[in-house]
Amino acid sequence: MRKINYPLEKAIFFLGVFLYAALLWLLGITCPIRFALGIPCPGCGITRALLSAITFNFEMAFAYHPLWVLSPLILLYILYDGRLFGKIADRIIISLTCVAFLAVWILRLAGIIPCL
């Protein structure tokens, strides 16, 4: 098992992300990009999808965002400094993840996949 480097810095990072999300929630802003530009961001719906998955409502989770299942992998990647499986495998996984998010985003902007 790989060691998590810089645990204090990562805890502070995730605390900052949590506080930022809490501030947005208090202001009634669900997505800053959607709020500012009027279009959904590539990750719009991930939080709602994860909350639906936690309650075993997988149909709704996929409706909110079809790539919600990649969230744990992205979290592990961040925790382990981008060295989860090995240099080449990590680059391939991250590249495919970016392409998948870009594809879903384009399909949503085109109206092919609904953005709830």
C-alpha atoms as a PDB file:
ATOM      1  CA  MET A   1       0.000   0.000   0.000  1.00  0.00           C
ATOM      2  CA  ARG A   2       1.309   3.407  -0.920  1.00  0.00           C
ATOM      3  CA  LYS A   3       1.867   5.993   1.777  1.00  0.00           C
ATOM      4  CA  ILE A   4      -0.157   9.201   1.847  1.00  0.00           C
ATOM      5  CA  ASN A   5       2.424  11.991   1.740  1.00  0.00           C
ATOM      6  CA  TYR A   6       1.859  15.322   3.452  1.00  0.00           C
ATOM      7  CA  PRO A   7      -1.267  14.287   5.417  1.00  0.00           C
ATOM      8  CA  LEU A   8      -1.576  17.648   7.220  1.00  0.00           C
ATOM      9  CA  GLU A   9      -1.491  19.616   3.970  1.00  0.00           C
ATOM     10  CA  LYS A  10      -4.056  17.301   2.423  1.00  0.00           C
ATOM     11  CA  ALA A  11      -6.312  17.591   5.470  1.00  0.00           C
ATOM     12  CA  ILE A  12      -6.086  21.387   5.203  1.00  0.00           C
ATOM     13  CA  PHE A  13      -6.846  21.174   1.456  1.00  0.00           C
ATOM     14  CA  PHE A  14      -9.962  19.049   2.010  1.00  0.00           C
ATOM     15  CA  LEU A  15     -11.058  21.295   4.893  1.00  0.00           C
ATOM     16  CA  GLY A  16     -10.711  24.274   2.544  1.00  0.00           C
ATOM     17  CA  VAL A  17     -12.767  22.515  -0.123  1.00  0.00           C
ATOM     18  CA  PHE A  18     -15.415  21.703   2.494  1.00  0.00           C
ATOM     19  CA  LEU A  19     -15.529  25.306   3.747  1.00  0.00           C
ATOM     20  CA  TYR A  20     -15.761  26.605   0.164  1.00  0.00           C
ATOM     21  CA  ALA A  21     -18.646  24.228  -0.542  1.00  0.00           C
ATOM     22  CA  ALA A  22     -20.352  25.259   2.700  1.00  0.00           C
ATOM     23  CA  LEU A  23     -20.026  28.939   1.767  1.00  0.00           C
ATOM     24  CA  LEU A  24     -21.522  28.299  -1.664  1.00  0.00           C
ATOM     25  CA  TRP A  25     -24.354  26.333  -0.057  1.00  0.00           C
ATOM     26  CA  LEU A  26     -25.075  29.175   2.372  1.00  0.00           C
ATOM     27  CA  LEU A  27     -25.161  31.622  -0.550  1.00  0.00           C
ATOM     28  CA  GLY A  28     -27.493  29.330  -2.488  1.00  0.00           C
ATOM     29  CA  ILE A  29     -24.982  28.736  -5.288  1.00  0.00           C
ATOM     30  CA  THR A  30     -24.922  25.096  -6.357  1.00  0.00           C
ATOM     31  CA  CYS A  31     -22.252  25.482  -9.043  1.00  0.00           C
ATOM     32  CA  PRO A  32     -20.066  28.581  -9.373  1.00  0.00           C
ATOM     33  CA  ILE A  33     -19.480  28.018 -13.097  1.00  0.00           C
ATOM     34  CA  ARG A  34     -23.180  27.577 -13.787  1.00  0.00           C
ATOM     35  CA  PHE A  35     -23.894  30.621 -11.621  1.00  0.00           C
ATOM     36  CA  ALA A  36     -21.327  32.812 -13.417  1.00  0.00           C
ATOM     37  CA  LEU A  37     -21.608  31.570 -17.010  1.00  0.00           C
ATOM     38  CA  GLY A  38     -25.064  30.032 -17.186  1.00  0.00           C
ATOM     39  CA  ILE A  39     -23.774  26.668 -18.440  1.00  0.00           C
ATOM     40  CA  PRO A  40     -23.120  23.514 -16.422  1.00  0.00           C
ATOM     41  CA  CYS A  41     -19.539  22.610 -15.616  1.00  0.00           C
ATOM     42  CA  PRO A  42     -18.138  19.168 -16.517  1.00  0.00           C
ATOM     43  CA  GLY A  43     -18.709  17.979 -12.950  1.00  0.00           C
ATOM     44  CA  CYS A  44     -22.191  19.397 -12.376  1.00  0.00           C
ATOM     45  CA  GLY A  45     -24.303  16.838 -10.570  1.00  0.00           C
ATOM     46  CA  ILE A  46     -21.479  14.787  -9.038  1.00  0.00           C
ATOM     47  CA  THR A  47     -22.364  15.754  -5.454  1.00  0.00           C
ATOM     48  CA  ARG A  48     -26.052  14.995  -5.938  1.00  0.00           C
ATOM     49  CA  ALA A  49     -25.097  11.748  -7.671  1.00  0.00           C
ATOM     50  CA  LEU A  50     -22.899  10.692  -4.761  1.00  0.00           C
ATOM     51  CA  LEU A  51     -25.641  11.544  -2.272  1.00  0.00           C
ATOM     52  CA  SER A  52     -28.081   9.449  -4.309  1.00  0.00           C
ATOM     53  CA  ALA A  53     -25.606   6.559  -4.466  1.00  0.00           C
ATOM     54  CA  ILE A  54     -25.121   6.672  -0.689  1.00  0.00           C
ATOM     55  CA  THR A  55     -28.883   6.096  -0.345  1.00  0.00           C
ATOM     56  CA  PHE A  56     -28.668   3.273  -2.950  1.00  0.00           C
ATOM     57  CA  ASN A  57     -30.651   5.238  -5.530  1.00  0.00           C
ATOM     58  CA  PHE A  58     -28.260   4.364  -8.357  1.00  0.00           C
ATOM     59  CA  GLU A  59     -30.730   5.210 -11.122  1.00  0.00           C
ATOM     60  CA  MET A  60     -30.921   8.795  -9.899  1.00  0.00           C
ATOM     61  CA  ALA A  61     -27.152   8.876  -9.317  1.00  0.00           C
ATOM     62  CA  PHE A  62     -26.519   8.059 -12.978  1.00  0.00           C
ATOM     63  CA  ALA A  63     -29.180  10.593 -13.995  1.00  0.00           C
ATOM     64  CA  TYR A  64     -27.394  13.364 -12.071  1.00  0.00           C
ATOM     65  CA  HIS A  65     -23.983  12.485 -13.540  1.00  0.00           C
ATOM     66  CA  PRO A  66     -23.003   9.279 -15.344  1.00  0.00           C
ATOM     67  CA  LEU A  67     -19.368   9.489 -14.181  1.00  0.00           C
ATOM     68  CA  TRP A  68     -20.027   9.649 -10.447  1.00  0.00           C
ATOM     69  CA  VAL A  69     -18.413   6.208 -10.070  1.00  0.00           C
ATOM     70  CA  LEU A  70     -15.014   7.753 -10.894  1.00  0.00           C
ATOM     71  CA  SER A  71     -15.099  10.010  -7.814  1.00  0.00           C
ATOM     72  CA  PRO A  72     -13.436   7.483  -5.453  1.00  0.00           C
ATOM     73  CA  LEU A  73     -10.634   6.935  -7.984  1.00  0.00           C
ATOM     74  CA  ILE A  74     -10.068  10.686  -8.287  1.00  0.00           C
ATOM     75  CA  LEU A  75      -9.999  11.002  -4.487  1.00  0.00           C
ATOM     76  CA  LEU A  76      -7.416   8.210  -4.215  1.00  0.00           C
ATOM     77  CA  TYR A  77      -5.356   9.846  -6.936  1.00  0.00           C
ATOM     78  CA  ILE A  78      -5.295  13.119  -4.975  1.00  0.00           C
ATOM     79  CA  LEU A  79      -4.515  11.390  -1.675  1.00  0.00           C
ATOM     80  CA  TYR A  80      -1.630   9.409  -3.116  1.00  0.00           C
ATOM     81  CA  ASP A  81       0.017  12.324  -4.996  1.00  0.00           C
ATOM     82  CA  GLY A  82      -0.836  11.004  -8.436  1.00  0.00           C
ATOM     83  CA  ARG A  83       1.090   7.778  -7.881  1.00  0.00           C
ATOM     84  CA  LEU A  84      -1.704   5.293  -7.461  1.00  0.00           C
ATOM     85  CA  PHE A  85      -0.903   2.539  -9.985  1.00  0.00           C
ATOM     86  CA  GLY A  86       2.383   3.600 -11.536  1.00  0.00           C
ATOM     87  CA  LYS A  87       3.434   6.494 -13.720  1.00  0.00           C
ATOM     88  CA  ILE A  88       2.214   5.215 -17.089  1.00  0.00           C
ATOM     89  CA  ALA A  89      -0.999   3.655 -15.786  1.00  0.00           C
ATOM     90  CA  ASP A  90      -1.848   6.805 -13.838  1.00  0.00           C
ATOM     91  CA  ARG A  91      -1.352   8.975 -16.915  1.00  0.00           C
ATOM     92  CA  ILE A  92      -3.576   6.711 -18.989  1.00  0.00           C
ATOM     93  CA  ILE A  93      -6.292   6.652 -16.312  1.00  0.00           C
ATOM     94  CA  ILE A  94      -6.224  10.424 -15.830  1.00  0.00           C
ATOM     95  CA  SER A  95      -6.268  11.021 -19.586  1.00  0.00           C
ATOM     96  CA  LEU A  96      -9.233   8.696 -20.074  1.00  0.00           C
ATOM     97  CA  THR A  97     -11.029  10.297 -17.131  1.00  0.00           C
ATOM     98  CA  CYS A  98     -10.528  13.780 -18.610  1.00  0.00           C
ATOM     99  CA  VAL A  99     -11.738  12.598 -22.028  1.00  0.00           C
ATOM    100  CA  ALA A 100     -14.805  10.987 -20.429  1.00  0.00           C
ATOM    101  CA  PHE A 101     -15.698  14.159 -18.502  1.00  0.00           C
ATOM    102  CA  LEU A 102     -15.172  16.265 -21.618  1.00  0.00           C
ATOM    103  CA  ALA A 103     -17.374  13.920 -23.665  1.00  0.00           C
ATOM    104  CA  VAL A 104     -20.179  13.995 -21.078  1.00  0.00           C
ATOM    105  CA  TRP A 105     -19.900  17.785 -20.879  1.00  0.00           C
ATOM    106  CA  ILE A 106     -20.149  18.173 -24.667  1.00  0.00           C
ATOM    107  CA  LEU A 107     -23.121  15.797 -24.799  1.00  0.00           C
ATOM    108  CA  ARG A 108     -24.819  17.807 -22.040  1.00  0.00           C
ATOM    109  CA  LEU A 109     -24.189  21.125 -23.780  1.00  0.00           C
ATOM    110  CA  ALA A 110     -25.579  19.618 -27.000  1.00  0.00           C
ATOM    111  CA  GLY A 111     -28.701  18.513 -25.111  1.00  0.00           C
ATOM    112  CA  ILE A 112     -28.140  14.800 -25.786  1.00  0.00           C
ATOM    113  CA  ILE A 113     -27.656  14.011 -22.082  1.00  0.00           C
ATOM    114  CA  PRO A 114     -29.886  16.015 -19.730  1.00  0.00           C
ATOM    115  CA  CYS A 115     -28.262  18.000 -16.941  1.00  0.00           C
ATOM    116  CA  LEU A 116     -30.495  17.740 -13.885  1.00  0.00           C
END
